[in-house]
Amino acid sequence: MNEQAKQRKAESKRQTRETKITASINLDGQGVAKVETSVGFFDHMLDLLARHSLIDLTISAVGDLDVDSHHTVEDVGIVLGQLLGKALGDKRGIYRYGWALVPMDESLAQVAVDLSGRPALVFNVPFQGELIGSFATELVEEFFKAVASNAGMNLHINVPYGKNNHHIAEAIFKAVAKALRQAVDHDPRNSEIPSTKGSL
Protein backbone atom coordinates (compact mmCIF):
# COMPACT_ATOMS: atom_id res chain seq x y z
CA MET A 1 0.00 0.00 0.00
CA ASN A 2 2.77 2.44 0.90
CA GLU A 3 4.58 1.83 -2.37
CA GLN A 4 1.32 2.22 -4.25
CA ALA A 5 0.59 5.46 -2.42
CA LYS A 6 3.99 6.88 -3.41
CA GLN A 7 3.05 6.40 -7.03
CA ARG A 8 -0.20 8.32 -6.66
CA LYS A 9 1.41 11.74 -6.79
CA ALA A 10 1.97 14.05 -9.73
CA GLU A 11 3.37 17.47 -10.54
CA SER A 12 2.79 19.72 -13.52
CA LYS A 13 3.64 23.10 -14.98
CA ARG A 14 1.66 24.88 -17.67
CA GLN A 15 2.51 28.21 -19.23
CA THR A 16 0.68 30.01 -22.01
CA ARG A 17 0.29 33.65 -22.99
CA GLU A 18 -2.72 33.75 -20.67
CA THR A 19 -1.65 31.80 -17.58
CA LYS A 20 1.29 30.34 -15.70
CA ILE A 21 0.43 27.43 -13.41
CA THR A 22 2.47 25.18 -11.14
CA ALA A 23 0.61 22.39 -9.37
CA SER A 24 0.95 19.08 -7.56
CA ILE A 25 -1.43 16.43 -6.26
CA ASN A 26 -1.33 13.54 -3.80
CA LEU A 27 -4.29 11.19 -4.02
CA ASP A 28 -3.40 9.60 -0.69
CA GLY A 29 -3.14 12.83 1.25
CA GLN A 30 -5.06 14.40 4.11
CA GLY A 31 -7.00 17.05 2.21
CA VAL A 32 -4.41 19.81 2.58
CA ALA A 33 -4.81 22.66 0.10
CA LYS A 34 -2.19 25.29 -0.68
CA VAL A 35 -3.93 27.28 -3.35
CA GLU A 36 -3.29 30.74 -4.75
CA THR A 37 -5.01 31.80 -7.96
CA SER A 38 -5.85 35.41 -6.98
CA VAL A 39 -9.51 34.51 -7.58
CA GLY A 40 -10.85 34.47 -4.03
CA PHE A 41 -14.05 32.48 -4.50
CA PHE A 42 -12.28 29.94 -6.71
CA ASP A 43 -9.56 29.46 -4.08
CA HIS A 44 -12.31 28.79 -1.54
CA MET A 45 -13.89 26.15 -3.79
CA LEU A 46 -10.54 24.44 -4.47
CA ASP A 47 -9.91 24.31 -0.72
CA LEU A 48 -13.27 22.55 -0.30
CA LEU A 49 -12.41 20.15 -3.12
CA ALA A 50 -9.16 19.14 -1.44
CA ARG A 51 -10.54 19.00 2.10
CA HIS A 52 -13.50 16.75 1.35
CA SER A 53 -11.71 14.44 -1.10
CA LEU A 54 -8.66 14.01 1.20
CA ILE A 55 -6.55 14.82 -1.87
CA ASP A 56 -3.60 17.12 -1.14
CA LEU A 57 -3.56 19.92 -3.67
CA THR A 58 -0.99 22.64 -4.32
CA ILE A 59 -1.73 25.21 -7.01
CA SER A 60 -0.02 28.47 -7.87
CA ALA A 61 -1.65 30.27 -10.79
CA VAL A 62 -0.95 33.64 -12.35
CA GLY A 63 -3.43 34.63 -15.02
CA ASP A 64 -4.64 37.54 -17.13
CA LEU A 65 -7.12 38.72 -14.52
CA ASP A 66 -7.13 42.14 -16.14
CA VAL A 67 -9.21 40.44 -18.86
CA ASP A 68 -11.29 38.26 -16.51
CA SER A 69 -10.85 35.05 -14.53
CA HIS A 70 -12.01 32.69 -17.30
CA HIS A 71 -8.56 31.65 -18.52
CA THR A 72 -7.26 31.14 -14.99
CA VAL A 73 -10.18 28.96 -13.91
CA GLU A 74 -10.22 26.90 -17.12
CA ASP A 75 -6.46 26.35 -17.18
CA VAL A 76 -6.40 25.29 -13.53
CA GLY A 77 -9.09 22.76 -14.50
CA ILE A 78 -6.92 21.51 -17.36
CA VAL A 79 -3.92 21.06 -15.08
CA LEU A 80 -5.94 19.43 -12.32
CA GLY A 81 -7.45 16.96 -14.77
CA GLN A 82 -4.02 16.08 -16.14
CA LEU A 83 -2.68 15.60 -12.63
CA LEU A 84 -5.54 13.28 -11.70
CA GLY A 85 -4.92 11.17 -14.78
CA LYS A 86 -1.17 11.02 -14.18
CA ALA A 87 -1.48 10.21 -10.47
CA LEU A 88 -4.00 7.43 -11.12
CA GLY A 89 -1.66 5.63 -13.53
CA ASP A 90 -3.30 2.49 -14.94
CA LYS A 91 -6.01 2.77 -12.23
CA ARG A 92 -5.27 -0.69 -10.92
CA GLY A 93 -7.05 -1.46 -7.65
CA ILE A 94 -9.26 1.63 -7.47
CA TYR A 95 -13.02 1.69 -7.01
CA ARG A 96 -13.37 3.66 -10.28
CA TYR A 97 -16.92 4.83 -9.50
CA GLY A 98 -17.99 7.36 -6.92
CA TRP A 99 -21.15 9.24 -6.07
CA ALA A 100 -22.37 11.72 -3.51
CA LEU A 101 -25.46 13.58 -2.42
CA VAL A 102 -24.51 16.78 -0.59
CA PRO A 103 -26.83 19.42 0.88
CA MET A 104 -25.79 22.99 1.51
CA ASP A 105 -28.59 24.79 3.32
CA GLU A 106 -31.44 25.05 0.78
CA SER A 107 -29.38 23.60 -2.10
CA LEU A 108 -28.65 19.98 -3.03
CA ALA A 109 -25.97 18.61 -5.35
CA GLN A 110 -25.96 15.12 -6.84
CA VAL A 111 -22.68 13.95 -8.38
CA ALA A 112 -21.57 10.71 -10.01
CA VAL A 113 -18.05 9.96 -11.26
CA ASP A 114 -16.65 7.22 -13.47
CA LEU A 115 -12.88 7.26 -14.01
CA SER A 116 -13.44 5.42 -17.25
CA GLY A 117 -10.90 7.14 -19.48
CA ARG A 118 -13.80 8.46 -21.55
CA PRO A 119 -14.40 12.16 -20.89
CA ALA A 120 -17.96 13.41 -20.59
CA LEU A 121 -19.68 16.09 -18.55
CA VAL A 122 -23.37 16.37 -17.77
CA PHE A 123 -24.09 19.65 -15.97
CA ASN A 124 -27.65 20.43 -14.94
CA VAL A 125 -27.39 23.36 -12.55
CA PRO A 126 -29.99 26.12 -12.08
CA PHE A 127 -27.79 29.02 -10.98
CA GLN A 128 -29.89 31.97 -9.89
CA GLY A 129 -28.00 34.74 -11.68
CA GLU A 130 -24.68 35.31 -13.37
CA LEU A 131 -22.40 36.15 -10.44
CA ILE A 132 -21.24 34.98 -7.02
CA GLY A 133 -19.71 38.21 -5.84
CA SER A 134 -17.45 38.98 -8.81
CA PHE A 135 -17.12 35.31 -9.84
CA ALA A 136 -19.06 34.30 -12.96
CA THR A 137 -21.27 31.29 -12.23
CA GLU A 138 -20.68 29.96 -15.76
CA LEU A 139 -17.06 29.29 -14.77
CA VAL A 140 -18.13 26.43 -12.49
CA GLU A 141 -19.17 24.45 -15.57
CA GLU A 142 -16.05 25.54 -17.50
CA PHE A 143 -13.83 24.32 -14.67
CA PHE A 144 -15.42 20.90 -14.43
CA LYS A 145 -15.51 20.55 -18.21
CA ALA A 146 -11.74 21.07 -18.25
CA VAL A 147 -11.19 18.65 -15.36
CA ALA A 148 -13.34 15.90 -16.89
CA SER A 149 -11.84 16.28 -20.37
CA ASN A 150 -8.25 16.12 -19.18
CA ALA A 151 -8.72 13.41 -16.54
CA GLY A 152 -10.70 11.14 -18.87
CA MET A 153 -13.54 11.32 -16.42
CA ASN A 154 -17.26 10.77 -16.86
CA LEU A 155 -18.76 13.39 -14.54
CA HIS A 156 -22.44 14.02 -13.91
CA ILE A 157 -23.43 17.06 -11.84
CA ASN A 158 -27.07 17.69 -11.07
CA VAL A 159 -28.63 20.26 -8.75
CA PRO A 160 -32.36 19.53 -8.50
CA TYR A 161 -32.97 22.66 -6.44
CA GLY A 162 -31.23 25.62 -4.86
CA LYS A 163 -31.71 29.36 -4.43
CA ASN A 164 -28.38 30.80 -3.31
CA ASN A 165 -25.58 30.75 -5.90
CA HIS A 166 -22.86 30.42 -3.27
CA HIS A 167 -24.64 27.47 -1.66
CA ILE A 168 -25.19 25.80 -5.03
CA ALA A 169 -21.52 26.09 -6.00
CA GLU A 170 -20.33 24.94 -2.58
CA ALA A 171 -22.61 21.90 -2.65
CA ILE A 172 -21.25 21.01 -6.11
CA PHE A 173 -17.58 21.20 -5.13
CA LYS A 174 -18.17 19.23 -1.94
CA ALA A 175 -20.15 16.56 -3.79
CA VAL A 176 -17.50 16.23 -6.50
CA ALA A 177 -14.90 15.91 -3.75
CA LYS A 178 -16.80 13.15 -1.94
CA ALA A 179 -17.41 11.27 -5.19
CA LEU A 180 -13.73 11.54 -6.14
CA ARG A 181 -12.66 10.34 -2.71
CA GLN A 182 -14.65 7.16 -3.28
CA ALA A 183 -13.62 6.66 -6.92
CA VAL A 184 -9.85 7.01 -6.40
CA ASP A 185 -9.74 4.99 -3.18
CA HIS A 186 -8.15 1.55 -3.01
CA ASP A 187 -10.58 -1.36 -3.27
CA PRO A 188 -9.39 -3.99 -0.76
CA ARG A 189 -11.21 -6.73 -2.68
CA ASN A 190 -9.78 -5.96 -6.11
CA SER A 191 -6.14 -5.40 -7.05
CA GLU A 192 -6.87 -5.50 -10.78
CA ILE A 193 -7.88 -2.81 -13.24
CA PRO A 194 -11.65 -2.37 -12.67
CA SER A 195 -12.80 -3.10 -16.20
CA THR A 196 -13.69 -6.20 -18.20
CA LYS A 197 -11.60 -4.68 -21.02
CA GLY A 198 -8.46 -4.97 -18.92
CA SER A 199 -7.60 -1.29 -19.25
CA LEU A 200 -9.10 2.13 -18.57
C-alpha atoms as a PDB file:
ATOM      1  CA  MET A   1       0.000   0.000   0.000  1.00  0.00           C
ATOM      2  CA  ASN A   2       2.773   2.438   0.903  1.00  0.00           C
ATOM      3  CA  GLU A   3       4.581   1.830  -2.370  1.00  0.00           C
ATOM      4  CA  GLN A   4       1.321   2.222  -4.254  1.00  0.00           C
ATOM      5  CA  ALA A   5       0.593   5.455  -2.422  1.00  0.00           C
ATOM      6  CA  LYS A   6       3.991   6.876  -3.412  1.00  0.00           C
ATOM      7  CA  GLN A   7       3.053   6.398  -7.033  1.00  0.00           C
ATOM      8  CA  ARG A   8      -0.201   8.323  -6.665  1.00  0.00           C
ATOM      9  CA  LYS A   9       1.406  11.743  -6.790  1.00  0.00           C
ATOM     10  CA  ALA A  10       1.971  14.048  -9.730  1.00  0.00           C
ATOM     11  CA  GLU A  11       3.370  17.472 -10.541  1.00  0.00           C
ATOM     12  CA  SER A  12       2.790  19.723 -13.517  1.00  0.00           C
ATOM     13  CA  LYS A  13       3.641  23.096 -14.977  1.00  0.00           C
ATOM     14  CA  ARG A  14       1.664  24.884 -17.672  1.00  0.00           C
ATOM     15  CA  GLN A  15       2.508  28.213 -19.229  1.00  0.00           C
ATOM     16  CA  THR A  16       0.677  30.012 -22.006  1.00  0.00           C
ATOM     17  CA  ARG A  17       0.290  33.648 -22.987  1.00  0.00           C
ATOM     18  CA  GLU A  18      -2.719  33.748 -20.666  1.00  0.00           C
ATOM     19  CA  THR A  19      -1.654  31.797 -17.576  1.00  0.00           C
ATOM     20  CA  LYS A  20       1.295  30.338 -15.699  1.00  0.00           C
ATOM     21  CA  ILE A  21       0.434  27.425 -13.413  1.00  0.00           C
ATOM     22  CA  THR A  22       2.473  25.183 -11.140  1.00  0.00           C
ATOM     23  CA  ALA A  23       0.607  22.392  -9.368  1.00  0.00           C
ATOM     24  CA  SER A  24       0.950  19.084  -7.564  1.00  0.00           C
ATOM     25  CA  ILE A  25      -1.426  16.429  -6.263  1.00  0.00           C
ATOM     26  CA  ASN A  26      -1.330  13.540  -3.804  1.00  0.00           C
ATOM     27  CA  LEU A  27      -4.291  11.189  -4.019  1.00  0.00           C
ATOM     28  CA  ASP A  28      -3.395   9.603  -0.689  1.00  0.00           C
ATOM     29  CA  GLY A  29      -3.137  12.827   1.252  1.00  0.00           C
ATOM     30  CA  GLN A  30      -5.056  14.397   4.107  1.00  0.00           C
ATOM     31  CA  GLY A  31      -6.997  17.045   2.210  1.00  0.00           C
ATOM     32  CA  VAL A  32      -4.412  19.807   2.583  1.00  0.00           C
ATOM     33  CA  ALA A  33      -4.812  22.664   0.104  1.00  0.00           C
ATOM     34  CA  LYS A  34      -2.190  25.290  -0.677  1.00  0.00           C
ATOM     35  CA  VAL A  35      -3.932  27.280  -3.355  1.00  0.00           C
ATOM     36  CA  GLU A  36      -3.290  30.741  -4.752  1.00  0.00           C
ATOM     37  CA  THR A  37      -5.005  31.800  -7.961  1.00  0.00           C
ATOM     38  CA  SER A  38      -5.851  35.411  -6.980  1.00  0.00           C
ATOM     39  CA  VAL A  39      -9.507  34.507  -7.583  1.00  0.00           C
ATOM     40  CA  GLY A  40     -10.849  34.468  -4.032  1.00  0.00           C
ATOM     41  CA  PHE A  41     -14.047  32.481  -4.495  1.00  0.00           C
ATOM     42  CA  PHE A  42     -12.280  29.939  -6.708  1.00  0.00           C
ATOM     43  CA  ASP A  43      -9.558  29.455  -4.079  1.00  0.00           C
ATOM     44  CA  HIS A  44     -12.309  28.786  -1.537  1.00  0.00           C
ATOM     45  CA  MET A  45     -13.891  26.148  -3.791  1.00  0.00           C
ATOM     46  CA  LEU A  46     -10.537  24.440  -4.465  1.00  0.00           C
ATOM     47  CA  ASP A  47      -9.912  24.311  -0.723  1.00  0.00           C
ATOM     48  CA  LEU A  48     -13.269  22.546  -0.299  1.00  0.00           C
ATOM     49  CA  LEU A  49     -12.407  20.151  -3.121  1.00  0.00           C
ATOM     50  CA  ALA A  50      -9.161  19.137  -1.441  1.00  0.00           C
ATOM     51  CA  ARG A  51     -10.538  19.003   2.097  1.00  0.00           C
ATOM     52  CA  HIS A  52     -13.504  16.748   1.354  1.00  0.00           C
ATOM     53  CA  SER A  53     -11.708  14.442  -1.101  1.00  0.00           C
ATOM     54  CA  LEU A  54      -8.664  14.012   1.197  1.00  0.00           C
ATOM     55  CA  ILE A  55      -6.548  14.825  -1.865  1.00  0.00           C
ATOM     56  CA  ASP A  56      -3.599  17.115  -1.137  1.00  0.00           C
ATOM     57  CA  LEU A  57      -3.563  19.924  -3.669  1.00  0.00           C
ATOM     58  CA  THR A  58      -0.987  22.637  -4.321  1.00  0.00           C
ATOM     59  CA  ILE A  59      -1.726  25.208  -7.009  1.00  0.00           C
ATOM     60  CA  SER A  60      -0.024  28.465  -7.871  1.00  0.00           C
ATOM     61  CA  ALA A  61      -1.653  30.266 -10.787  1.00  0.00           C
ATOM     62  CA  VAL A  62      -0.951  33.644 -12.347  1.00  0.00           C
ATOM     63  CA  GLY A  63      -3.427  34.631 -15.024  1.00  0.00           C
ATOM     64  CA  ASP A  64      -4.640  37.538 -17.129  1.00  0.00           C
ATOM     65  CA  LEU A  65      -7.123  38.720 -14.523  1.00  0.00           C
ATOM     66  CA  ASP A  66      -7.135  42.144 -16.141  1.00  0.00           C
ATOM     67  CA  VAL A  67      -9.205  40.436 -18.858  1.00  0.00           C
ATOM     68  CA  ASP A  68     -11.293  38.264 -16.506  1.00  0.00           C
ATOM     69  CA  SER A  69     -10.853  35.050 -14.529  1.00  0.00           C
ATOM     70  CA  HIS A  70     -12.014  32.688 -17.301  1.00  0.00           C
ATOM     71  CA  HIS A  71      -8.556  31.649 -18.522  1.00  0.00           C
ATOM     72  CA  THR A  72      -7.257  31.135 -14.988  1.00  0.00           C
ATOM     73  CA  VAL A  73     -10.182  28.957 -13.915  1.00  0.00           C
ATOM     74  CA  GLU A  74     -10.224  26.902 -17.119  1.00  0.00           C
ATOM     75  CA  ASP A  75      -6.461  26.350 -17.181  1.00  0.00           C
ATOM     76  CA  VAL A  76      -6.398  25.285 -13.527  1.00  0.00           C
ATOM     77  CA  GLY A  77      -9.087  22.762 -14.497  1.00  0.00           C
ATOM     78  CA  ILE A  78      -6.921  21.511 -17.361  1.00  0.00           C
ATOM     79  CA  VAL A  79      -3.916  21.062 -15.083  1.00  0.00           C
ATOM     80  CA  LEU A  80      -5.944  19.426 -12.317  1.00  0.00           C
ATOM     81  CA  GLY A  81      -7.452  16.960 -14.766  1.00  0.00           C
ATOM     82  CA  GLN A  82      -4.023  16.081 -16.144  1.00  0.00           C
ATOM     83  CA  LEU A  83      -2.675  15.603 -12.628  1.00  0.00           C
ATOM     84  CA  LEU A  84      -5.542  13.283 -11.703  1.00  0.00           C
ATOM     85  CA  GLY A  85      -4.917  11.167 -14.783  1.00  0.00           C
ATOM     86  CA  LYS A  86      -1.168  11.022 -14.175  1.00  0.00           C
ATOM     87  CA  ALA A  87      -1.476  10.209 -10.467  1.00  0.00           C
ATOM     88  CA  LEU A  88      -3.997   7.426 -11.122  1.00  0.00           C
ATOM     89  CA  GLY A  89      -1.664   5.634 -13.534  1.00  0.00           C
ATOM     90  CA  ASP A  90      -3.298   2.495 -14.941  1.00  0.00           C
ATOM     91  CA  LYS A  91      -6.011   2.771 -12.229  1.00  0.00           C
ATOM     92  CA  ARG A  92      -5.270  -0.687 -10.925  1.00  0.00           C
ATOM     93  CA  GLY A  93      -7.053  -1.459  -7.650  1.00  0.00           C
ATOM     94  CA  ILE A  94      -9.265   1.634  -7.467  1.00  0.00           C
ATOM     95  CA  TYR A  95     -13.021   1.686  -7.015  1.00  0.00           C
ATOM     96  CA  ARG A  96     -13.366   3.661 -10.279  1.00  0.00           C
ATOM     97  CA  TYR A  97     -16.922   4.826  -9.495  1.00  0.00           C
ATOM     98  CA  GLY A  98     -17.991   7.359  -6.924  1.00  0.00           C
ATOM     99  CA  TRP A  99     -21.145   9.240  -6.074  1.00  0.00           C
ATOM    100  CA  ALA A 100     -22.369  11.720  -3.505  1.00  0.00           C
ATOM    101  CA  LEU A 101     -25.464  13.577  -2.417  1.00  0.00           C
ATOM    102  CA  VAL A 102     -24.512  16.778  -0.594  1.00  0.00           C
ATOM    103  CA  PRO A 103     -26.835  19.421   0.879  1.00  0.00           C
ATOM    104  CA  MET A 104     -25.787  22.995   1.506  1.00  0.00           C
ATOM    105  CA  ASP A 105     -28.590  24.791   3.323  1.00  0.00           C
ATOM    106  CA  GLU A 106     -31.440  25.047   0.776  1.00  0.00           C
ATOM    107  CA  SER A 107     -29.378  23.599  -2.100  1.00  0.00           C
ATOM    108  CA  LEU A 108     -28.651  19.982  -3.027  1.00  0.00           C
ATOM    109  CA  ALA A 109     -25.969  18.609  -5.347  1.00  0.00           C
ATOM    110  CA  GLN A 110     -25.963  15.119  -6.837  1.00  0.00           C
ATOM    111  CA  VAL A 111     -22.685  13.952  -8.383  1.00  0.00           C
ATOM    112  CA  ALA A 112     -21.568  10.711 -10.007  1.00  0.00           C
ATOM    113  CA  VAL A 113     -18.055   9.964 -11.263  1.00  0.00           C
ATOM    114  CA  ASP A 114     -16.647   7.219 -13.471  1.00  0.00           C
ATOM    115  CA  LEU A 115     -12.876   7.258 -14.010  1.00  0.00           C
ATOM    116  CA  SER A 116     -13.437   5.416 -17.253  1.00  0.00           C
ATOM    117  CA  GLY A 117     -10.897   7.137 -19.479  1.00  0.00           C
ATOM    118  CA  ARG A 118     -13.805   8.458 -21.549  1.00  0.00           C
ATOM    119  CA  PRO A 119     -14.403  12.159 -20.886  1.00  0.00           C
ATOM    120  CA  ALA A 120     -17.964  13.407 -20.590  1.00  0.00           C
ATOM    121  CA  LEU A 121     -19.683  16.088 -18.553  1.00  0.00           C
ATOM    122  CA  VAL A 122     -23.369  16.369 -17.765  1.00  0.00           C
ATOM    123  CA  PHE A 123     -24.092  19.652 -15.972  1.00  0.00           C
ATOM    124  CA  ASN A 124     -27.653  20.427 -14.943  1.00  0.00           C
ATOM    125  CA  VAL A 125     -27.390  23.356 -12.550  1.00  0.00           C
ATOM    126  CA  PRO A 126     -29.989  26.117 -12.078  1.00  0.00           C
ATOM    127  CA  PHE A 127     -27.790  29.018 -10.976  1.00  0.00           C
ATOM    128  CA  GLN A 128     -29.892  31.971  -9.891  1.00  0.00           C
ATOM    129  CA  GLY A 129     -28.004  34.736 -11.675  1.00  0.00           C
ATOM    130  CA  GLU A 130     -24.678  35.309 -13.371  1.00  0.00           C
ATOM    131  CA  LEU A 131     -22.397  36.154 -10.439  1.00  0.00           C
ATOM    132  CA  ILE A 132     -21.240  34.984  -7.023  1.00  0.00           C
ATOM    133  CA  GLY A 133     -19.715  38.215  -5.845  1.00  0.00           C
ATOM    134  CA  SER A 134     -17.455  38.979  -8.810  1.00  0.00           C
ATOM    135  CA  PHE A 135     -17.117  35.307  -9.845  1.00  0.00           C
ATOM    136  CA  ALA A 136     -19.065  34.299 -12.960  1.00  0.00           C
ATOM    137  CA  THR A 137     -21.266  31.287 -12.229  1.00  0.00           C
ATOM    138  CA  GLU A 138     -20.685  29.958 -15.757  1.00  0.00           C
ATOM    139  CA  LEU A 139     -17.060  29.290 -14.766  1.00  0.00           C
ATOM    140  CA  VAL A 140     -18.135  26.432 -12.494  1.00  0.00           C
ATOM    141  CA  GLU A 141     -19.172  24.455 -15.568  1.00  0.00           C
ATOM    142  CA  GLU A 142     -16.052  25.542 -17.497  1.00  0.00           C
ATOM    143  CA  PHE A 143     -13.832  24.325 -14.672  1.00  0.00           C
ATOM    144  CA  PHE A 144     -15.416  20.895 -14.429  1.00  0.00           C
ATOM    145  CA  LYS A 145     -15.511  20.547 -18.208  1.00  0.00           C
ATOM    146  CA  ALA A 146     -11.741  21.066 -18.255  1.00  0.00           C
ATOM    147  CA  VAL A 147     -11.192  18.648 -15.362  1.00  0.00           C
ATOM    148  CA  ALA A 148     -13.342  15.900 -16.891  1.00  0.00           C
ATOM    149  CA  SER A 149     -11.843  16.279 -20.373  1.00  0.00           C
ATOM    150  CA  ASN A 150      -8.253  16.117 -19.175  1.00  0.00           C
ATOM    151  CA  ALA A 151      -8.718  13.410 -16.538  1.00  0.00           C
ATOM    152  CA  GLY A 152     -10.697  11.136 -18.874  1.00  0.00           C
ATOM    153  CA  MET A 153     -13.545  11.316 -16.418  1.00  0.00           C
ATOM    154  CA  ASN A 154     -17.261  10.768 -16.861  1.00  0.00           C
ATOM    155  CA  LEU A 155     -18.756  13.388 -14.538  1.00  0.00           C
ATOM    156  CA  HIS A 156     -22.445  14.021 -13.909  1.00  0.00           C
ATOM    157  CA  ILE A 157     -23.431  17.056 -11.840  1.00  0.00           C
ATOM    158  CA  ASN A 158     -27.072  17.690 -11.072  1.00  0.00           C
ATOM    159  CA  VAL A 159     -28.629  20.263  -8.754  1.00  0.00           C
ATOM    160  CA  PRO A 160     -32.361  19.526  -8.497  1.00  0.00           C
ATOM    161  CA  TYR A 161     -32.967  22.656  -6.436  1.00  0.00           C
ATOM    162  CA  GLY A 162     -31.230  25.624  -4.865  1.00  0.00           C
ATOM    163  CA  LYS A 163     -31.713  29.361  -4.429  1.00  0.00           C
ATOM    164  CA  ASN A 164     -28.382  30.802  -3.314  1.00  0.00           C
ATOM    165  CA  ASN A 165     -25.578  30.753  -5.896  1.00  0.00           C
ATOM    166  CA  HIS A 166     -22.856  30.418  -3.268  1.00  0.00           C
ATOM    167  CA  HIS A 167     -24.635  27.472  -1.659  1.00  0.00           C
ATOM    168  CA  ILE A 168     -25.195  25.795  -5.025  1.00  0.00           C
ATOM    169  CA  ALA A 169     -21.523  26.087  -5.998  1.00  0.00           C
ATOM    170  CA  GLU A 170     -20.332  24.945  -2.578  1.00  0.00           C
ATOM    171  CA  ALA A 171     -22.607  21.901  -2.653  1.00  0.00           C
ATOM    172  CA  ILE A 172     -21.249  21.007  -6.114  1.00  0.00           C
ATOM    173  CA  PHE A 173     -17.580  21.205  -5.131  1.00  0.00           C
ATOM    174  CA  LYS A 174     -18.167  19.226  -1.942  1.00  0.00           C
ATOM    175  CA  ALA A 175     -20.150  16.561  -3.791  1.00  0.00           C
ATOM    176  CA  VAL A 176     -17.500  16.226  -6.498  1.00  0.00           C
ATOM    177  CA  ALA A 177     -14.899  15.910  -3.745  1.00  0.00           C
ATOM    178  CA  LYS A 178     -16.798  13.152  -1.936  1.00  0.00           C
ATOM    179  CA  ALA A 179     -17.410  11.275  -5.189  1.00  0.00           C
ATOM    180  CA  LEU A 180     -13.730  11.539  -6.139  1.00  0.00           C
ATOM    181  CA  ARG A 181     -12.665  10.337  -2.710  1.00  0.00           C
ATOM    182  CA  GLN A 182     -14.645   7.160  -3.276  1.00  0.00           C
ATOM    183  CA  ALA A 183     -13.619   6.662  -6.916  1.00  0.00           C
ATOM    184  CA  VAL A 184      -9.854   7.013  -6.399  1.00  0.00           C
ATOM    185  CA  ASP A 185      -9.739   4.991  -3.185  1.00  0.00           C
ATOM    186  CA  HIS A 186      -8.154   1.551  -3.011  1.00  0.00           C
ATOM    187  CA  ASP A 187     -10.582  -1.357  -3.267  1.00  0.00           C
ATOM    188  CA  PRO A 188      -9.387  -3.988  -0.761  1.00  0.00           C
ATOM    189  CA  ARG A 189     -11.211  -6.732  -2.678  1.00  0.00           C
ATOM    190  CA  ASN A 190      -9.782  -5.964  -6.107  1.00  0.00           C
ATOM    191  CA  SER A 191      -6.143  -5.398  -7.054  1.00  0.00           C
ATOM    192  CA  GLU A 192      -6.868  -5.503 -10.784  1.00  0.00           C
ATOM    193  CA  ILE A 193      -7.884  -2.814 -13.244  1.00  0.00           C
ATOM    194  CA  PRO A 194     -11.646  -2.373 -12.668  1.00  0.00           C
ATOM    195  CA  SER A 195     -12.796  -3.095 -16.204  1.00  0.00           C
ATOM    196  CA  THR A 196     -13.694  -6.196 -18.204  1.00  0.00           C
ATOM    197  CA  LYS A 197     -11.597  -4.683 -21.023  1.00  0.00           C
ATOM    198  CA  GLY A 198      -8.455  -4.970 -18.919  1.00  0.00           C
ATOM    199  CA  SER A 199      -7.599  -1.287 -19.253  1.00  0.00           C
ATOM    200  CA  LEU A 200      -9.101   2.128 -18.570  1.00  0.00           C
END
